Amino acid sequence: DAVEDLLRFASGSDRLRRLVHLSALGVYQAKHHFGTDETTPVDLRGFDGYTHTKALAEGLVNAAHQKDGMPTVIARPGFTYGEGDRRILPRLMQRFRNGSIRMIGDGQRVLNNTNIDNLIDGLFLCIDHDAAVGETFNLRDERLVTRAEFLGAVADFLELPPPKRVPLWFAKVARPVLETYGRIRGADEPPLLTGATMKFMTLNLDFSIEKAKRLLGYQPRIDFREGIQDALKWAAENASH
């Protein structure tokens, strides 16, 4: 509803030069992806409330461009990390410290990692390039990393051992049991295993950025090894703020 209201308000302005809608790679179907590009339709059913509203909002933005000629662009980042993250990395670091983090499966499938600086660069390209109008772009880092590298980087930073492994088959069996138990007891926090956890930790999430490179000149300049260190340092220094 908020996006719909924003589009209605913007449609009456003669000063609007560009409207860049920040969506997410989660609008694609929750399955393995190997180079999926923007020609693949979004999953309008949604994996969860977040991805469902993202997919519906994209439809509104596209309609505003196609029907009214509004100069819109849709940007889809993946798992975004970097300085300023007060939620994901701090929680993950806490789970390392209390020993509750686990690697699900062999950890060799890739994550759709997107450094915040790379994302900001991509968003400014969406603003500045006329070729971006009416288009949708996947935005992520140049090099995708496995879950083993991702979790290993956090463990190394904290000077802790890598997480213990849980067989994928066991996680698949345990997840619905833990989710059901959490609902029954009215838990305030999600269980250790949820559908979102399984998606984040086990699916191969490789989405193509060739379109952004071709039309916008997008060149992700921050590699994960550099970006994750800056992100972890910031999170550690601001943990109590």
C-alpha atoms as a PDB file:
ATOM      1  CA  ASP A   1       0.000   0.000   0.000  1.00  0.00           C
ATOM      2  CA  ALA A   2       2.860   2.382   0.796  1.00  0.00           C
ATOM      3  CA  VAL A   3       4.401   1.882  -2.645  1.00  0.00           C
ATOM      4  CA  GLU A   4       1.022   2.406  -4.270  1.00  0.00           C
ATOM      5  CA  ASP A   5       0.553   5.675  -2.372  1.00  0.00           C
ATOM      6  CA  LEU A   6       4.058   6.820  -3.286  1.00  0.00           C
ATOM      7  CA  LEU A   7       3.472   6.118  -6.974  1.00  0.00           C
ATOM      8  CA  ARG A   8       0.152   7.972  -6.893  1.00  0.00           C
ATOM      9  CA  PHE A   9       1.809  10.990  -5.297  1.00  0.00           C
ATOM     10  CA  ALA A  10       4.783  10.926  -7.696  1.00  0.00           C
ATOM     11  CA  SER A  11       2.555  10.633 -10.756  1.00  0.00           C
ATOM     12  CA  GLY A  12       1.252  14.117 -10.126  1.00  0.00           C
ATOM     13  CA  SER A  13       4.687  15.725 -10.080  1.00  0.00           C
ATOM     14  CA  ASP A  14       6.310  17.373 -13.092  1.00  0.00           C
ATOM     15  CA  ARG A  15       9.659  17.427 -11.257  1.00  0.00           C
ATOM     16  CA  LEU A  16      10.206  13.658 -11.045  1.00  0.00           C
ATOM     17  CA  ARG A  17      13.347  12.651 -12.940  1.00  0.00           C
ATOM     18  CA  ARG A  18      13.721   9.044 -11.786  1.00  0.00           C
ATOM     19  CA  LEU A  19      12.085   6.698  -9.289  1.00  0.00           C
ATOM     20  CA  VAL A  20      14.321   3.783  -8.267  1.00  0.00           C
ATOM     21  CA  HIS A  21      12.460   1.032  -6.465  1.00  0.00           C
ATOM     22  CA  LEU A  22      14.600  -1.129  -4.174  1.00  0.00           C
ATOM     23  CA  SER A  23      13.298  -4.673  -4.453  1.00  0.00           C
ATOM     24  CA  ALA A  24      15.173  -7.915  -3.653  1.00  0.00           C
ATOM     25  CA  LEU A  25      16.484 -11.050  -5.347  1.00  0.00           C
ATOM     26  CA  GLY A  26      14.045 -12.865  -3.076  1.00  0.00           C
ATOM     27  CA  VAL A  27      11.260 -12.154  -5.588  1.00  0.00           C
ATOM     28  CA  TYR A  28      12.522 -15.111  -7.616  1.00  0.00           C
ATOM     29  CA  GLN A  29      11.208 -18.559  -6.734  1.00  0.00           C
ATOM     30  CA  ALA A  30      12.826 -20.097  -3.651  1.00  0.00           C
ATOM     31  CA  LYS A  31      14.872 -22.810  -5.351  1.00  0.00           C
ATOM     32  CA  HIS A  32      18.418 -23.325  -6.620  1.00  0.00           C
ATOM     33  CA  HIS A  33      19.563 -20.649  -9.073  1.00  0.00           C
ATOM     34  CA  PHE A  34      22.483 -20.891 -11.460  1.00  0.00           C
ATOM     35  CA  GLY A  35      22.864 -17.634 -13.376  1.00  0.00           C
ATOM     36  CA  THR A  36      19.179 -16.664 -13.286  1.00  0.00           C
ATOM     37  CA  ASP A  37      18.614 -13.352 -15.070  1.00  0.00           C
ATOM     38  CA  GLU A  38      15.882 -10.724 -15.185  1.00  0.00           C
ATOM     39  CA  THR A  39      13.897 -12.525 -17.903  1.00  0.00           C
ATOM     40  CA  THR A  40      12.798 -15.061 -15.271  1.00  0.00           C
ATOM     41  CA  PRO A  41       9.340 -14.162 -13.896  1.00  0.00           C
ATOM     42  CA  VAL A  42       8.978 -13.272 -10.231  1.00  0.00           C
ATOM     43  CA  ASP A  43       7.140 -15.580  -7.839  1.00  0.00           C
ATOM     44  CA  LEU A  44       3.912 -13.685  -7.145  1.00  0.00           C
ATOM     45  CA  ARG A  45       2.909 -16.182  -4.445  1.00  0.00           C
ATOM     46  CA  GLY A  46       5.914 -15.154  -2.377  1.00  0.00           C
ATOM     47  CA  PHE A  47       8.143 -17.308  -0.187  1.00  0.00           C
ATOM     48  CA  ASP A  48       7.136 -15.281   2.869  1.00  0.00           C
ATOM     49  CA  GLY A  49       5.494 -11.956   3.684  1.00  0.00           C
ATOM     50  CA  TYR A  50       8.614  -9.986   2.807  1.00  0.00           C
ATOM     51  CA  THR A  51       9.166 -11.490  -0.653  1.00  0.00           C
ATOM     52  CA  HIS A  52       5.432 -11.486  -1.368  1.00  0.00           C
ATOM     53  CA  THR A  53       5.139  -7.728  -0.832  1.00  0.00           C
ATOM     54  CA  LYS A  54       8.337  -7.138  -2.831  1.00  0.00           C
ATOM     55  CA  ALA A  55       6.897  -9.043  -5.800  1.00  0.00           C
ATOM     56  CA  LEU A  56       3.555  -7.234  -5.633  1.00  0.00           C
ATOM     57  CA  ALA A  57       5.283  -3.855  -5.353  1.00  0.00           C
ATOM     58  CA  GLU A  58       7.324  -4.578  -8.486  1.00  0.00           C
ATOM     59  CA  GLY A  59       4.071  -5.113 -10.365  1.00  0.00           C
ATOM     60  CA  LEU A  60       2.836  -1.687  -9.298  1.00  0.00           C
ATOM     61  CA  VAL A  61       6.097  -0.017 -10.316  1.00  0.00           C
ATOM     62  CA  ASN A  62       6.114  -1.693 -13.715  1.00  0.00           C
ATOM     63  CA  ALA A  63       2.491  -0.686 -14.282  1.00  0.00           C
ATOM     64  CA  ALA A  64       3.304   2.936 -13.457  1.00  0.00           C
ATOM     65  CA  HIS A  65       5.961   2.921 -16.164  1.00  0.00           C
ATOM     66  CA  GLN A  66       4.002   1.037 -18.801  1.00  0.00           C
ATOM     67  CA  LYS A  67       0.688   2.825 -18.373  1.00  0.00           C
ATOM     68  CA  ASP A  68       1.720   6.302 -17.253  1.00  0.00           C
ATOM     69  CA  GLY A  69       5.279   6.583 -18.575  1.00  0.00           C
ATOM     70  CA  MET A  70       6.728   7.152 -15.116  1.00  0.00           C
ATOM     71  CA  PRO A  71      10.582   6.979 -15.260  1.00  0.00           C
ATOM     72  CA  THR A  72      10.965   3.977 -12.944  1.00  0.00           C
ATOM     73  CA  VAL A  73      13.786   1.493 -12.360  1.00  0.00           C
ATOM     74  CA  ILE A  74      13.738  -1.673 -10.255  1.00  0.00           C
ATOM     75  CA  ALA A  75      16.916  -2.788  -8.457  1.00  0.00           C
ATOM     76  CA  ARG A  76      17.200  -6.246  -6.898  1.00  0.00           C
ATOM     77  CA  PRO A  77      20.042  -6.737  -4.405  1.00  0.00           C
ATOM     78  CA  GLY A  78      20.761  -9.985  -2.617  1.00  0.00           C
ATOM     79  CA  PHE A  79      21.984 -10.551   0.940  1.00  0.00           C
ATOM     80  CA  THR A  80      23.342  -7.096   1.737  1.00  0.00           C
ATOM     81  CA  TYR A  81      26.201  -6.734   4.201  1.00  0.00           C
ATOM     82  CA  GLY A  82      28.449  -3.859   5.227  1.00  0.00           C
ATOM     83  CA  GLU A  83      28.973  -1.055   7.690  1.00  0.00           C
ATOM     84  CA  GLY A  84      25.741   0.063   9.307  1.00  0.00           C
ATOM     85  CA  ASP A  85      24.197  -3.416   9.654  1.00  0.00           C
ATOM     86  CA  ARG A  86      22.643  -3.497  13.134  1.00  0.00           C
ATOM     87  CA  ARG A  87      20.669  -6.705  12.676  1.00  0.00           C
ATOM     88  CA  ILE A  88      21.987  -9.600  10.582  1.00  0.00           C
ATOM     89  CA  LEU A  89      25.715  -9.724  11.335  1.00  0.00           C
ATOM     90  CA  PRO A  90      25.356  -8.751  15.027  1.00  0.00           C
ATOM     91  CA  ARG A  91      22.862 -11.595  15.543  1.00  0.00           C
ATOM     92  CA  LEU A  92      25.077 -14.017  13.650  1.00  0.00           C
ATOM     93  CA  MET A  93      28.100 -13.007  15.729  1.00  0.00           C
ATOM     94  CA  GLN A  94      26.100 -13.574  18.910  1.00  0.00           C
ATOM     95  CA  ARG A  95      25.145 -17.055  17.741  1.00  0.00           C
ATOM     96  CA  PHE A  96      28.814 -17.825  17.178  1.00  0.00           C
ATOM     97  CA  ARG A  97      29.621 -16.647  20.703  1.00  0.00           C
ATOM     98  CA  ASN A  98      26.893 -18.715  22.360  1.00  0.00           C
ATOM     99  CA  GLY A  99      27.627 -21.779  20.228  1.00  0.00           C
ATOM    100  CA  SER A 100      24.215 -22.040  18.560  1.00  0.00           C
ATOM    101  CA  ILE A 101      25.347 -21.526  14.951  1.00  0.00           C
ATOM    102  CA  ARG A 102      25.436 -24.566  12.657  1.00  0.00           C
ATOM    103  CA  MET A 103      26.475 -25.223   9.063  1.00  0.00           C
ATOM    104  CA  ILE A 104      23.653 -26.974   7.233  1.00  0.00           C
ATOM    105  CA  GLY A 105      24.951 -29.483   4.698  1.00  0.00           C
ATOM    106  CA  ASP A 106      28.402 -29.189   3.163  1.00  0.00           C
ATOM    107  CA  GLY A 107      28.309 -25.388   2.860  1.00  0.00           C
ATOM    108  CA  GLN A 108      29.462 -25.387  -0.772  1.00  0.00           C
ATOM    109  CA  ARG A 109      26.492 -23.645  -2.378  1.00  0.00           C
ATOM    110  CA  VAL A 110      26.865 -19.938  -3.072  1.00  0.00           C
ATOM    111  CA  LEU A 111      25.207 -16.980  -1.418  1.00  0.00           C
ATOM    112  CA  ASN A 112      23.915 -13.913  -3.308  1.00  0.00           C
ATOM    113  CA  ASN A 113      26.232 -11.611  -1.339  1.00  0.00           C
ATOM    114  CA  THR A 114      25.912  -7.879  -2.051  1.00  0.00           C
ATOM    115  CA  ASN A 115      28.264  -5.415  -0.416  1.00  0.00           C
ATOM    116  CA  ILE A 116      26.541  -2.172   0.582  1.00  0.00           C
ATOM    117  CA  ASP A 117      29.075  -0.055  -1.347  1.00  0.00           C
ATOM    118  CA  ASN A 118      28.527  -2.106  -4.505  1.00  0.00           C
ATOM    119  CA  LEU A 119      24.777  -1.727  -4.059  1.00  0.00           C
ATOM    120  CA  ILE A 120      25.028   2.051  -3.649  1.00  0.00           C
ATOM    121  CA  ASP A 121      27.170   2.257  -6.794  1.00  0.00           C
ATOM    122  CA  GLY A 122      24.509   0.284  -8.657  1.00  0.00           C
ATOM    123  CA  LEU A 123      21.695   2.504  -7.390  1.00  0.00           C
ATOM    124  CA  PHE A 124      23.453   5.667  -8.571  1.00  0.00           C
ATOM    125  CA  LEU A 125      23.927   4.058 -11.989  1.00  0.00           C
ATOM    126  CA  CYS A 126      20.170   3.404 -12.044  1.00  0.00           C
ATOM    127  CA  ILE A 127      19.630   7.101 -11.335  1.00  0.00           C
ATOM    128  CA  ASP A 128      22.139   8.448 -13.846  1.00  0.00           C
ATOM    129  CA  HIS A 129      21.676   6.229 -16.931  1.00  0.00           C
ATOM    130  CA  ASP A 130      18.756   6.876 -19.278  1.00  0.00           C
ATOM    131  CA  ALA A 131      19.034   3.241 -20.432  1.00  0.00           C
ATOM    132  CA  ALA A 132      17.872   2.171 -16.971  1.00  0.00           C
ATOM    133  CA  VAL A 133      14.359   3.622 -17.303  1.00  0.00           C
ATOM    134  CA  GLY A 134      11.710   0.911 -17.403  1.00  0.00           C
ATOM    135  CA  GLU A 135      14.257  -1.820 -16.640  1.00  0.00           C
ATOM    136  CA  THR A 136      14.975  -4.222 -13.793  1.00  0.00           C
ATOM    137  CA  PHE A 137      18.482  -5.096 -12.607  1.00  0.00           C
ATOM    138  CA  ASN A 138      19.984  -7.790 -10.409  1.00  0.00           C
ATOM    139  CA  LEU A 139      22.739  -6.288  -8.247  1.00  0.00           C
ATOM    140  CA  ARG A 140      25.311  -8.337  -6.313  1.00  0.00           C
ATOM    141  CA  ASP A 141      29.047  -8.730  -5.785  1.00  0.00           C
ATOM    142  CA  GLU A 142      31.234  -9.865  -8.665  1.00  0.00           C
ATOM    143  CA  ARG A 143      32.363 -12.971  -6.778  1.00  0.00           C
ATOM    144  CA  LEU A 144      29.825 -15.070  -4.945  1.00  0.00           C
ATOM    145  CA  VAL A 145      30.979 -16.982  -1.882  1.00  0.00           C
ATOM    146  CA  THR A 146      29.997 -20.312  -0.416  1.00  0.00           C
ATOM    147  CA  ARG A 147      28.356 -20.581   2.989  1.00  0.00           C
ATOM    148  CA  ALA A 148      31.574 -22.190   4.188  1.00  0.00           C
ATOM    149  CA  GLU A 149      33.573 -19.089   3.210  1.00  0.00           C
ATOM    150  CA  PHE A 150      30.938 -16.746   4.612  1.00  0.00           C
ATOM    151  CA  LEU A 151      30.672 -18.436   8.010  1.00  0.00           C
ATOM    152  CA  GLY A 152      34.401 -19.112   8.053  1.00  0.00           C
ATOM    153  CA  ALA A 153      35.108 -15.390   7.698  1.00  0.00           C
ATOM    154  CA  VAL A 154      32.913 -14.622  10.705  1.00  0.00           C
ATOM    155  CA  ALA A 155      34.536 -17.400  12.757  1.00  0.00           C
ATOM    156  CA  ASP A 156      38.039 -16.194  11.871  1.00  0.00           C
ATOM    157  CA  PHE A 157      37.184 -12.616  12.822  1.00  0.00           C
ATOM    158  CA  LEU A 158      35.868 -13.747  16.207  1.00  0.00           C
ATOM    159  CA  GLU A 159      38.806 -16.157  16.626  1.00  0.00           C
ATOM    160  CA  LEU A 160      36.369 -19.024  17.109  1.00  0.00           C
ATOM    161  CA  PRO A 161      36.242 -22.476  15.477  1.00  0.00           C
ATOM    162  CA  PRO A 162      34.067 -22.925  12.382  1.00  0.00           C
ATOM    163  CA  PRO A 163      30.495 -24.022  13.088  1.00  0.00           C
ATOM    164  CA  LYS A 164      29.612 -27.671  13.505  1.00  0.00           C
ATOM    165  CA  ARG A 165      27.766 -29.263  10.603  1.00  0.00           C
ATOM    166  CA  VAL A 166      24.200 -30.538  10.545  1.00  0.00           C
ATOM    167  CA  PRO A 167      23.219 -32.980   7.759  1.00  0.00           C
ATOM    168  CA  LEU A 168      20.837 -31.414   5.273  1.00  0.00           C
ATOM    169  CA  TRP A 169      18.353 -34.280   5.596  1.00  0.00           C
ATOM    170  CA  PHE A 170      18.189 -33.790   9.367  1.00  0.00           C
ATOM    171  CA  ALA A 171      17.600 -30.045   9.025  1.00  0.00           C
ATOM    172  CA  LYS A 172      14.747 -30.659   6.587  1.00  0.00           C
ATOM    173  CA  VAL A 173      13.088 -33.026   9.064  1.00  0.00           C
ATOM    174  CA  ALA A 174      13.698 -30.851  12.120  1.00  0.00           C
ATOM    175  CA  ARG A 175      12.570 -27.514  10.654  1.00  0.00           C
ATOM    176  CA  PRO A 176       8.761 -28.083  10.608  1.00  0.00           C
ATOM    177  CA  VAL A 177       8.920 -29.631  14.085  1.00  0.00           C
ATOM    178  CA  LEU A 178      10.738 -26.609  15.525  1.00  0.00           C
ATOM    179  CA  GLU A 179       8.478 -24.125  13.718  1.00  0.00           C
ATOM    180  CA  THR A 180       5.322 -25.883  14.952  1.00  0.00           C
ATOM    181  CA  TYR A 181       6.612 -26.034  18.517  1.00  0.00           C
ATOM    182  CA  GLY A 182       7.467 -22.340  18.400  1.00  0.00           C
ATOM    183  CA  ARG A 183       3.958 -21.439  17.237  1.00  0.00           C
ATOM    184  CA  ILE A 184       2.311 -23.594  19.910  1.00  0.00           C
ATOM    185  CA  ARG A 185       4.219 -21.977  22.753  1.00  0.00           C
ATOM    186  CA  GLY A 186       3.885 -18.486  21.271  1.00  0.00           C
ATOM    187  CA  ALA A 187       7.626 -17.865  21.034  1.00  0.00           C
ATOM    188  CA  ASP A 188       8.777 -14.265  20.605  1.00  0.00           C
ATOM    189  CA  GLU A 189      11.897 -15.315  18.686  1.00  0.00           C
ATOM    190  CA  PRO A 190      12.058 -17.599  15.629  1.00  0.00           C
ATOM    191  CA  PRO A 191      13.403 -21.142  16.161  1.00  0.00           C
ATOM    192  CA  LEU A 192      16.944 -22.093  15.151  1.00  0.00           C
ATOM    193  CA  LEU A 193      15.608 -23.568  11.902  1.00  0.00           C
ATOM    194  CA  THR A 194      12.996 -21.824   9.753  1.00  0.00           C
ATOM    195  CA  GLY A 195      12.119 -21.787   6.076  1.00  0.00           C
ATOM    196  CA  ALA A 196      14.055 -18.534   5.743  1.00  0.00           C
ATOM    197  CA  THR A 197      17.090 -20.090   7.458  1.00  0.00           C
ATOM    198  CA  MET A 198      17.018 -23.059   5.088  1.00  0.00           C
ATOM    199  CA  LYS A 199      16.797 -20.745   2.083  1.00  0.00           C
ATOM    200  CA  PHE A 200      19.628 -18.538   3.310  1.00  0.00           C
ATOM    201  CA  MET A 201      21.899 -21.426   4.273  1.00  0.00           C
ATOM    202  CA  THR A 202      21.236 -24.174   1.704  1.00  0.00           C
ATOM    203  CA  LEU A 203      20.022 -22.883  -1.670  1.00  0.00           C
ATOM    204  CA  ASN A 204      22.413 -22.032  -4.510  1.00  0.00           C
ATOM    205  CA  LEU A 205      21.666 -18.337  -5.123  1.00  0.00           C
ATOM    206  CA  ASP A 206      23.568 -17.356  -8.262  1.00  0.00           C
ATOM    207  CA  PHE A 207      21.838 -14.512 -10.121  1.00  0.00           C
ATOM    208  CA  SER A 208      23.303 -12.935 -13.243  1.00  0.00           C
ATOM    209  CA  ILE A 209      24.427  -9.289 -13.233  1.00  0.00           C
ATOM    210  CA  GLU A 210      25.334  -9.233 -16.943  1.00  0.00           C
ATOM    211  CA  LYS A 211      22.438  -6.925 -17.766  1.00  0.00           C
ATOM    212  CA  ALA A 212      23.570  -4.313 -15.230  1.00  0.00           C
ATOM    213  CA  LYS A 213      27.108  -4.563 -16.576  1.00  0.00           C
ATOM    214  CA  ARG A 214      25.961  -4.187 -20.182  1.00  0.00           C
ATOM    215  CA  LEU A 215      23.419  -1.377 -19.811  1.00  0.00           C
ATOM    216  CA  LEU A 216      24.786   0.503 -16.818  1.00  0.00           C
ATOM    217  CA  GLY A 217      28.484  -0.269 -16.773  1.00  0.00           C
ATOM    218  CA  TYR A 218      28.064  -1.842 -13.327  1.00  0.00           C
ATOM    219  CA  GLN A 219      31.397  -3.114 -12.000  1.00  0.00           C
ATOM    220  CA  PRO A 220      31.300  -4.270  -8.363  1.00  0.00           C
ATOM    221  CA  ARG A 221      34.531  -2.939  -6.861  1.00  0.00           C
ATOM    222  CA  ILE A 222      34.407  -4.430  -3.350  1.00  0.00           C
ATOM    223  CA  ASP A 223      35.236  -8.111  -2.934  1.00  0.00           C
ATOM    224  CA  PHE A 224      33.689 -10.124  -0.125  1.00  0.00           C
ATOM    225  CA  ARG A 225      37.004 -10.639   1.679  1.00  0.00           C
ATOM    226  CA  GLU A 226      37.458  -6.886   2.024  1.00  0.00           C
ATOM    227  CA  GLY A 227      33.825  -5.988   2.568  1.00  0.00           C
ATOM    228  CA  ILE A 228      33.072  -8.563   5.249  1.00  0.00           C
ATOM    229  CA  GLN A 229      36.026  -7.438   7.355  1.00  0.00           C
ATOM    230  CA  ASP A 230      34.807  -3.834   7.326  1.00  0.00           C
ATOM    231  CA  ALA A 231      31.279  -5.009   8.141  1.00  0.00           C
ATOM    232  CA  LEU A 232      32.373  -7.206  11.055  1.00  0.00           C
ATOM    233  CA  LYS A 233      34.625  -4.495  12.500  1.00  0.00           C
ATOM    234  CA  TRP A 234      31.768  -1.989  12.389  1.00  0.00           C
ATOM    235  CA  ALA A 235      29.355  -4.468  13.976  1.00  0.00           C
ATOM    236  CA  ALA A 236      31.813  -5.294  16.763  1.00  0.00           C
ATOM    237  CA  GLU A 237      32.515  -1.635  17.524  1.00  0.00           C
ATOM    238  CA  ASN A 238      28.843  -0.665  17.541  1.00  0.00           C
ATOM    239  CA  ALA A 239      27.384  -3.759  19.215  1.00  0.00           C
ATOM    240  CA  SER A 240      26.295  -1.901  22.354  1.00  0.00           C
ATOM    241  CA  HIS A 241      25.063   1.272  20.617  1.00  0.00           C
END
